[in-house]
Amino acid sequence: MDTVRLNITLPEELAQQLDKLVGPRKKSRFITETLRQRIEKIQNEEVQKLLEEGYKARKEEGLAMAKEFEPIDLEGWDEY
């Protein structure tokens, strides 16, 4: 995998916590994994939002289709 060197700025306290947690030689890997997880979460949330909007937009259409086929769906069933 190709890599790119970045120069980032962090609050001092956060940088110290990172050092204590992962050590000085594993920061890049930790930051990479954390960014991947966060980006994946954001992308999944966006997809979920689009799906919700799509379902809401098609709600009336789905209800109309269900009502249209209701007599056929119930055909052959005993009435109680």
Protein backbone atom coordinates (compact mmCIF):
# COMPACT_ATOMS: atom_id res chain seq x y z
CA MET A 1 0.00 0.00 0.00
CA ASP A 2 1.31 3.43 -0.90
CA THR A 3 1.66 5.82 1.99
CA VAL A 4 1.74 9.59 2.32
CA ARG A 5 3.51 11.53 5.04
CA LEU A 6 1.30 14.11 6.75
CA ASN A 7 2.09 16.82 9.21
CA ILE A 8 -0.81 17.10 11.66
CA THR A 9 -1.41 19.17 14.76
CA LEU A 10 -2.91 17.65 17.90
CA PRO A 11 -3.64 19.05 21.33
CA GLU A 12 -0.64 18.30 23.57
CA GLU A 13 -2.69 16.25 26.04
CA LEU A 14 -4.04 14.06 23.24
CA ALA A 15 -0.55 13.52 21.83
CA GLN A 16 0.69 12.48 25.28
CA GLN A 17 -2.20 10.04 25.70
CA LEU A 18 -1.45 8.58 22.27
CA ASP A 19 2.21 8.12 23.21
CA LYS A 20 1.30 6.37 26.47
CA LEU A 21 -1.28 4.16 24.79
CA VAL A 22 0.59 2.93 21.72
CA GLY A 23 4.19 4.03 22.19
CA PRO A 24 6.30 6.22 19.96
CA ARG A 25 6.80 3.71 17.11
CA LYS A 26 3.18 2.63 16.52
CA LYS A 27 1.34 5.94 16.25
CA SER A 28 0.92 5.84 12.47
CA ARG A 29 -0.68 2.39 12.55
CA PHE A 30 -3.01 3.38 15.39
CA ILE A 31 -4.07 6.61 13.67
CA THR A 32 -4.59 4.76 10.35
CA GLU A 33 -6.80 2.09 11.95
CA THR A 34 -8.75 4.68 13.91
CA LEU A 35 -9.35 6.85 10.82
CA ARG A 36 -10.48 3.82 8.82
CA GLN A 37 -13.01 2.88 11.50
CA ARG A 38 -14.33 6.43 11.78
CA ILE A 39 -14.60 6.88 8.01
CA GLU A 40 -16.41 3.54 7.68
CA LYS A 41 -18.84 4.56 10.44
CA ILE A 42 -19.59 7.89 8.74
CA GLN A 43 -20.11 6.17 5.37
CA ASN A 44 -22.43 3.57 6.92
CA GLU A 45 -24.44 6.32 8.61
CA GLU A 46 -24.80 8.12 5.27
CA VAL A 47 -25.99 4.93 3.54
CA GLN A 48 -28.45 4.28 6.38
CA LYS A 49 -29.81 7.82 6.05
CA LEU A 50 -30.26 7.42 2.28
CA LEU A 51 -32.06 4.10 2.77
CA GLU A 52 -34.39 5.66 5.35
CA GLU A 53 -35.17 8.54 3.02
CA GLY A 54 -35.83 6.11 0.17
CA TYR A 55 -38.15 3.95 2.26
CA LYS A 56 -40.05 7.01 3.47
CA ALA A 57 -40.36 8.36 -0.08
CA ARG A 58 -41.74 5.02 -1.32
CA LYS A 59 -44.02 4.40 1.66
CA GLU A 60 -47.20 5.61 -0.03
CA GLU A 61 -46.37 3.69 -3.21
CA GLY A 62 -45.86 0.50 -1.21
CA LEU A 63 -49.11 0.96 0.69
CA ALA A 64 -51.01 1.59 -2.56
CA MET A 65 -49.58 -1.57 -4.12
CA ALA A 66 -50.43 -3.63 -1.03
CA LYS A 67 -54.01 -2.33 -1.09
CA GLU A 68 -54.28 -3.09 -4.81
CA PHE A 69 -53.23 -6.71 -4.32
CA GLU A 70 -55.10 -7.26 -1.06
CA PRO A 71 -58.07 -9.09 -2.66
CA ILE A 72 -55.71 -11.47 -4.45
CA ASP A 73 -53.59 -12.00 -1.35
CA LEU A 74 -56.65 -12.99 0.66
CA GLU A 75 -58.14 -15.17 -2.07
CA GLY A 76 -58.57 -18.77 -0.97
CA TRP A 77 -58.29 -18.03 2.72
CA ASP A 78 -61.14 -19.06 4.97
CA GLU A 79 -63.01 -16.17 6.55
CA TYR A 80 -63.15 -16.24 10.31
